[in-house]
């Protein structure tokens, strides 16, 4: 028994396995139920994975979750920036907007479209599916990487985007492989 415990402790130390707190899990479960309703009878959407972004979590912490819809579990997590226009000046409180040039993050469901190469390298077009993010394409809100976004969690806050969900290059490469391998559009849900 001692050796099993020792092996478990070593595994957690070596792989830095981080748990997700129960409040975050509860919020994710609520969002997953809504995602499943939306994609249930729509052949456009991938039924196996979804991307969930919880804007209640500080930007220096993992708040981008890749969720396995078939096995009901988080399969990866990472850091994601929010729009500079979402800052309120009050620590931990964000605002959201769908207005062009607001530089804000927009809440709601998106589907991840085709990739293209722009000023940040490879990026994916995002299409808003709700009234709260219907201007995403017109606003050039895309999923991309940026070198100043850290891969590892840190205390405090990270850089901001112009409204795009922006991740580290390393995390983007892992996520891009899933997007490119998908036969249908992956749903991304940004919530607060």
C-alpha atoms as a PDB file:
ATOM      1  CA  UNK A   1       0.000   0.000   0.000  1.00  0.00           C
ATOM      2  CA  UNK A   2       2.866   2.334   0.834  1.00  0.00           C
ATOM      3  CA  UNK A   3       4.399   1.827  -2.627  1.00  0.00           C
ATOM      4  CA  UNK A   4       1.081   2.553  -4.342  1.00  0.00           C
ATOM      5  CA  UNK A   5       0.763   5.791  -2.394  1.00  0.00           C
ATOM      6  CA  UNK A   6       4.366   6.696  -3.173  1.00  0.00           C
ATOM      7  CA  UNK A   7       3.819   5.990  -6.893  1.00  0.00           C
ATOM      8  CA  UNK A   8       0.690   8.172  -6.904  1.00  0.00           C
ATOM      9  CA  UNK A   9       2.524  11.079  -5.247  1.00  0.00           C
ATOM     10  CA  UNK A  10       5.418  10.739  -7.699  1.00  0.00           C
ATOM     11  CA  UNK A  11       2.999  10.686 -10.643  1.00  0.00           C
ATOM     12  CA  UNK A  12       1.306  13.895  -9.480  1.00  0.00           C
ATOM     13  CA  UNK A  13       4.667  15.584  -8.884  1.00  0.00           C
ATOM     14  CA  UNK A  14       6.185  14.566 -12.208  1.00  0.00           C
ATOM     15  CA  UNK A  15       3.196  15.256 -14.426  1.00  0.00           C
ATOM     16  CA  UNK A  16       1.913  18.263 -12.458  1.00  0.00           C
ATOM     17  CA  UNK A  17      -1.604  16.951 -12.648  1.00  0.00           C
ATOM     18  CA  UNK A  18      -3.882  19.717 -11.560  1.00  0.00           C
ATOM     19  CA  UNK A  19      -7.385  19.187 -10.394  1.00  0.00           C
ATOM     20  CA  UNK A  20     -10.250  21.418 -11.328  1.00  0.00           C
ATOM     21  CA  UNK A  21     -12.200  22.707  -8.338  1.00  0.00           C
ATOM     22  CA  UNK A  22     -15.789  21.618  -7.739  1.00  0.00           C
ATOM     23  CA  UNK A  23     -17.287  25.056  -8.496  1.00  0.00           C
ATOM     24  CA  UNK A  24     -15.594  25.074 -11.921  1.00  0.00           C
ATOM     25  CA  UNK A  25     -16.764  21.496 -12.584  1.00  0.00           C
ATOM     26  CA  UNK A  26     -20.328  22.477 -11.689  1.00  0.00           C
ATOM     27  CA  UNK A  27     -20.162  25.466 -14.056  1.00  0.00           C
ATOM     28  CA  UNK A  28     -18.704  23.277 -16.823  1.00  0.00           C
ATOM     29  CA  UNK A  29     -21.433  20.647 -16.391  1.00  0.00           C
ATOM     30  CA  UNK A  30     -24.101  23.325 -16.747  1.00  0.00           C
ATOM     31  CA  UNK A  31     -22.466  24.607 -19.950  1.00  0.00           C
ATOM     32  CA  UNK A  32     -21.993  21.085 -21.370  1.00  0.00           C
ATOM     33  CA  UNK A  33     -25.724  20.423 -21.022  1.00  0.00           C
ATOM     34  CA  UNK A  34     -26.452  23.526 -23.108  1.00  0.00           C
ATOM     35  CA  UNK A  35     -23.819  22.572 -25.708  1.00  0.00           C
ATOM     36  CA  UNK A  36     -25.297  19.073 -26.041  1.00  0.00           C
ATOM     37  CA  UNK A  37     -28.788  20.507 -26.612  1.00  0.00           C
ATOM     38  CA  UNK A  38     -27.476  22.822 -29.308  1.00  0.00           C
ATOM     39  CA  UNK A  39     -25.519  20.191 -31.253  1.00  0.00           C
ATOM     40  CA  UNK A  40     -27.864  17.239 -30.728  1.00  0.00           C
ATOM     41  CA  UNK A  41     -29.671  17.384 -34.062  1.00  0.00           C
ATOM     42  CA  UNK A  42     -27.294  19.597 -36.024  1.00  0.00           C
ATOM     43  CA  UNK A  43     -24.954  17.686 -38.330  1.00  0.00           C
ATOM     44  CA  UNK A  44     -22.703  20.759 -38.731  1.00  0.00           C
ATOM     45  CA  UNK A  45     -21.227  20.216 -35.281  1.00  0.00           C
ATOM     46  CA  UNK A  46     -18.701  17.804 -33.839  1.00  0.00           C
ATOM     47  CA  UNK A  47     -20.473  15.547 -31.321  1.00  0.00           C
ATOM     48  CA  UNK A  48     -17.268  14.347 -29.640  1.00  0.00           C
ATOM     49  CA  UNK A  49     -15.481  17.450 -28.374  1.00  0.00           C
ATOM     50  CA  UNK A  50     -16.271  21.060 -27.511  1.00  0.00           C
ATOM     51  CA  UNK A  51     -14.228  24.028 -26.319  1.00  0.00           C
ATOM     52  CA  UNK A  52     -15.431  25.774 -23.157  1.00  0.00           C
ATOM     53  CA  UNK A  53     -13.996  29.079 -21.934  1.00  0.00           C
ATOM     54  CA  UNK A  54     -14.918  30.187 -18.406  1.00  0.00           C
ATOM     55  CA  UNK A  55     -14.362  33.936 -18.088  1.00  0.00           C
ATOM     56  CA  UNK A  56     -15.027  33.851 -14.314  1.00  0.00           C
ATOM     57  CA  UNK A  57     -11.574  32.279 -13.899  1.00  0.00           C
ATOM     58  CA  UNK A  58      -8.665  34.802 -13.849  1.00  0.00           C
ATOM     59  CA  UNK A  59      -6.723  35.027 -17.119  1.00  0.00           C
ATOM     60  CA  UNK A  60      -3.490  33.691 -15.576  1.00  0.00           C
ATOM     61  CA  UNK A  61      -5.197  30.396 -14.734  1.00  0.00           C
ATOM     62  CA  UNK A  62      -6.442  27.544 -16.906  1.00  0.00           C
ATOM     63  CA  UNK A  63      -9.876  28.517 -18.174  1.00  0.00           C
ATOM     64  CA  UNK A  64      -9.954  27.050 -21.703  1.00  0.00           C
ATOM     65  CA  UNK A  65     -11.268  23.493 -21.434  1.00  0.00           C
ATOM     66  CA  UNK A  66     -11.300  20.881 -24.170  1.00  0.00           C
ATOM     67  CA  UNK A  67     -14.228  18.688 -23.242  1.00  0.00           C
ATOM     68  CA  UNK A  68     -14.901  15.096 -24.319  1.00  0.00           C
ATOM     69  CA  UNK A  69     -18.661  15.077 -24.898  1.00  0.00           C
ATOM     70  CA  UNK A  70     -18.892  11.279 -25.247  1.00  0.00           C
ATOM     71  CA  UNK A  71     -17.048  10.415 -22.025  1.00  0.00           C
ATOM     72  CA  UNK A  72     -18.090  13.557 -20.132  1.00  0.00           C
ATOM     73  CA  UNK A  73     -14.656  14.682 -19.045  1.00  0.00           C
ATOM     74  CA  UNK A  74     -12.087  17.434 -19.508  1.00  0.00           C
ATOM     75  CA  UNK A  75      -9.287  16.163 -21.728  1.00  0.00           C
ATOM     76  CA  UNK A  76      -7.106  19.280 -21.679  1.00  0.00           C
ATOM     77  CA  UNK A  77      -7.015  22.781 -20.244  1.00  0.00           C
ATOM     78  CA  UNK A  78      -5.078  25.935 -20.942  1.00  0.00           C
ATOM     79  CA  UNK A  79      -4.743  29.660 -20.507  1.00  0.00           C
ATOM     80  CA  UNK A  80      -6.692  32.029 -22.751  1.00  0.00           C
ATOM     81  CA  UNK A  81      -6.695  35.832 -22.970  1.00  0.00           C
ATOM     82  CA  UNK A  82      -9.774  38.023 -23.141  1.00  0.00           C
ATOM     83  CA  UNK A  83     -10.348  41.341 -24.888  1.00  0.00           C
ATOM     84  CA  UNK A  84      -8.853  44.526 -23.459  1.00  0.00           C
ATOM     85  CA  UNK A  85     -12.275  46.151 -23.841  1.00  0.00           C
ATOM     86  CA  UNK A  86     -13.648  43.652 -21.321  1.00  0.00           C
ATOM     87  CA  UNK A  87     -11.599  45.192 -18.508  1.00  0.00           C
ATOM     88  CA  UNK A  88     -13.652  47.194 -15.998  1.00  0.00           C
ATOM     89  CA  UNK A  89     -10.888  48.440 -13.719  1.00  0.00           C
ATOM     90  CA  UNK A  90     -12.289  46.220 -10.955  1.00  0.00           C
ATOM     91  CA  UNK A  91     -10.106  43.190 -10.291  1.00  0.00           C
ATOM     92  CA  UNK A  92     -11.900  39.984 -11.293  1.00  0.00           C
ATOM     93  CA  UNK A  93     -14.883  41.730 -12.921  1.00  0.00           C
ATOM     94  CA  UNK A  94     -15.279  41.750 -16.694  1.00  0.00           C
ATOM     95  CA  UNK A  95     -17.782  43.251 -19.137  1.00  0.00           C
ATOM     96  CA  UNK A  96     -18.656  41.906 -22.577  1.00  0.00           C
ATOM     97  CA  UNK A  97     -19.755  43.428 -25.856  1.00  0.00           C
ATOM     98  CA  UNK A  98     -20.728  42.456 -29.386  1.00  0.00           C
ATOM     99  CA  UNK A  99     -20.193  46.000 -30.691  1.00  0.00           C
ATOM    100  CA  UNK A 100     -17.582  46.533 -33.435  1.00  0.00           C
ATOM    101  CA  UNK A 101     -14.357  48.216 -32.229  1.00  0.00           C
ATOM    102  CA  UNK A 102     -15.223  47.547 -28.578  1.00  0.00           C
ATOM    103  CA  UNK A 103     -12.125  45.295 -28.224  1.00  0.00           C
ATOM    104  CA  UNK A 104     -14.279  43.202 -25.893  1.00  0.00           C
ATOM    105  CA  UNK A 105     -14.834  39.495 -25.615  1.00  0.00           C
ATOM    106  CA  UNK A 106     -18.335  38.411 -26.623  1.00  0.00           C
ATOM    107  CA  UNK A 107     -20.114  35.676 -24.700  1.00  0.00           C
ATOM    108  CA  UNK A 108     -22.014  32.865 -26.383  1.00  0.00           C
ATOM    109  CA  UNK A 109     -21.692  29.918 -28.742  1.00  0.00           C
ATOM    110  CA  UNK A 110     -19.354  30.015 -31.720  1.00  0.00           C
ATOM    111  CA  UNK A 111     -18.351  27.460 -34.230  1.00  0.00           C
ATOM    112  CA  UNK A 112     -14.744  27.200 -35.300  1.00  0.00           C
ATOM    113  CA  UNK A 113     -14.441  27.715 -39.045  1.00  0.00           C
ATOM    114  CA  UNK A 114     -11.631  27.407 -41.560  1.00  0.00           C
ATOM    115  CA  UNK A 115      -8.042  28.307 -40.849  1.00  0.00           C
ATOM    116  CA  UNK A 116      -6.124  31.070 -42.594  1.00  0.00           C
ATOM    117  CA  UNK A 117      -2.746  32.740 -42.188  1.00  0.00           C
ATOM    118  CA  UNK A 118      -2.759  36.302 -40.905  1.00  0.00           C
ATOM    119  CA  UNK A 119      -0.621  38.635 -38.795  1.00  0.00           C
ATOM    120  CA  UNK A 120      -0.536  36.095 -35.935  1.00  0.00           C
ATOM    121  CA  UNK A 121       0.234  33.131 -38.187  1.00  0.00           C
ATOM    122  CA  UNK A 122      -2.326  30.362 -38.417  1.00  0.00           C
ATOM    123  CA  UNK A 123      -5.731  31.309 -37.015  1.00  0.00           C
ATOM    124  CA  UNK A 124      -9.318  30.064 -37.232  1.00  0.00           C
ATOM    125  CA  UNK A 125     -12.354  32.105 -38.165  1.00  0.00           C
ATOM    126  CA  UNK A 126     -15.082  32.157 -35.509  1.00  0.00           C
ATOM    127  CA  UNK A 127     -18.789  32.454 -36.261  1.00  0.00           C
ATOM    128  CA  UNK A 128     -21.108  33.674 -33.521  1.00  0.00           C
ATOM    129  CA  UNK A 129     -24.355  31.742 -33.117  1.00  0.00           C
ATOM    130  CA  UNK A 130     -26.091  34.009 -30.592  1.00  0.00           C
ATOM    131  CA  UNK A 131     -27.305  37.611 -30.365  1.00  0.00           C
ATOM    132  CA  UNK A 132     -24.454  38.253 -27.924  1.00  0.00           C
ATOM    133  CA  UNK A 133     -21.768  37.349 -30.487  1.00  0.00           C
ATOM    134  CA  UNK A 134     -23.463  37.725 -33.880  1.00  0.00           C
ATOM    135  CA  UNK A 135     -20.860  40.278 -35.013  1.00  0.00           C
ATOM    136  CA  UNK A 136     -17.868  37.985 -34.405  1.00  0.00           C
ATOM    137  CA  UNK A 137     -17.052  37.484 -38.074  1.00  0.00           C
ATOM    138  CA  UNK A 138     -17.588  41.179 -38.904  1.00  0.00           C
ATOM    139  CA  UNK A 139     -15.380  42.129 -35.914  1.00  0.00           C
ATOM    140  CA  UNK A 140     -12.598  39.764 -37.062  1.00  0.00           C
ATOM    141  CA  UNK A 141     -12.850  37.757 -33.846  1.00  0.00           C
ATOM    142  CA  UNK A 142     -10.715  34.682 -34.462  1.00  0.00           C
ATOM    143  CA  UNK A 143      -9.009  31.915 -32.499  1.00  0.00           C
ATOM    144  CA  UNK A 144      -5.237  32.419 -32.607  1.00  0.00           C
ATOM    145  CA  UNK A 145      -2.031  32.247 -30.621  1.00  0.00           C
ATOM    146  CA  UNK A 146       0.191  34.997 -29.303  1.00  0.00           C
ATOM    147  CA  UNK A 147       3.703  34.657 -27.921  1.00  0.00           C
ATOM    148  CA  UNK A 148       3.015  36.650 -24.738  1.00  0.00           C
ATOM    149  CA  UNK A 149       0.320  34.213 -23.571  1.00  0.00           C
ATOM    150  CA  UNK A 150       1.984  31.773 -21.151  1.00  0.00           C
ATOM    151  CA  UNK A 151       1.584  28.021 -21.399  1.00  0.00           C
ATOM    152  CA  UNK A 152       1.878  27.429 -17.650  1.00  0.00           C
ATOM    153  CA  UNK A 153      -0.455  28.959 -15.071  1.00  0.00           C
ATOM    154  CA  UNK A 154       0.774  32.026 -13.242  1.00  0.00           C
ATOM    155  CA  UNK A 155      -0.451  34.294 -10.485  1.00  0.00           C
ATOM    156  CA  UNK A 156      -2.098  37.472 -11.627  1.00  0.00           C
ATOM    157  CA  UNK A 157      -3.293  38.375 -15.070  1.00  0.00           C
ATOM    158  CA  UNK A 158      -1.903  37.991 -18.583  1.00  0.00           C
ATOM    159  CA  UNK A 159      -1.933  40.161 -21.700  1.00  0.00           C
ATOM    160  CA  UNK A 160      -5.222  41.039 -23.401  1.00  0.00           C
ATOM    161  CA  UNK A 161      -6.415  40.583 -26.971  1.00  0.00           C
ATOM    162  CA  UNK A 162      -8.621  42.795 -29.149  1.00  0.00           C
ATOM    163  CA  UNK A 163     -11.577  40.513 -28.297  1.00  0.00           C
ATOM    164  CA  UNK A 164     -10.241  37.205 -29.625  1.00  0.00           C
ATOM    165  CA  UNK A 165      -9.751  34.038 -27.582  1.00  0.00           C
ATOM    166  CA  UNK A 166      -5.936  34.005 -27.715  1.00  0.00           C
ATOM    167  CA  UNK A 167      -3.751  31.160 -26.367  1.00  0.00           C
ATOM    168  CA  UNK A 168      -0.062  30.216 -26.239  1.00  0.00           C
ATOM    169  CA  UNK A 169       1.572  28.816 -29.367  1.00  0.00           C
ATOM    170  CA  UNK A 170       2.100  25.422 -27.707  1.00  0.00           C
ATOM    171  CA  UNK A 171      -1.538  25.129 -26.611  1.00  0.00           C
ATOM    172  CA  UNK A 172      -2.730  26.418 -29.995  1.00  0.00           C
ATOM    173  CA  UNK A 173      -0.778  23.708 -31.818  1.00  0.00           C
ATOM    174  CA  UNK A 174      -2.435  20.981 -29.721  1.00  0.00           C
ATOM    175  CA  UNK A 175      -5.861  22.502 -30.261  1.00  0.00           C
ATOM    176  CA  UNK A 176      -5.269  23.132 -33.989  1.00  0.00           C
ATOM    177  CA  UNK A 177      -4.578  19.440 -34.531  1.00  0.00           C
ATOM    178  CA  UNK A 178      -8.011  18.599 -33.089  1.00  0.00           C
ATOM    179  CA  UNK A 179      -9.697  21.249 -35.226  1.00  0.00           C
ATOM    180  CA  UNK A 180      -7.920  20.150 -38.404  1.00  0.00           C
ATOM    181  CA  UNK A 181      -8.697  16.468 -37.761  1.00  0.00           C
ATOM    182  CA  UNK A 182     -12.388  17.138 -37.103  1.00  0.00           C
ATOM    183  CA  UNK A 183     -14.820  16.233 -39.893  1.00  0.00           C
ATOM    184  CA  UNK A 184     -17.359  18.773 -38.586  1.00  0.00           C
ATOM    185  CA  UNK A 185     -17.217  22.168 -36.874  1.00  0.00           C
ATOM    186  CA  UNK A 186     -16.205  22.254 -33.226  1.00  0.00           C
ATOM    187  CA  UNK A 187     -18.395  24.352 -30.956  1.00  0.00           C
ATOM    188  CA  UNK A 188     -16.709  26.937 -28.719  1.00  0.00           C
ATOM    189  CA  UNK A 189     -18.733  28.330 -25.813  1.00  0.00           C
ATOM    190  CA  UNK A 190     -17.523  31.407 -23.944  1.00  0.00           C
ATOM    191  CA  UNK A 191     -19.390  32.038 -20.707  1.00  0.00           C
ATOM    192  CA  UNK A 192     -19.223  34.095 -17.506  1.00  0.00           C
END
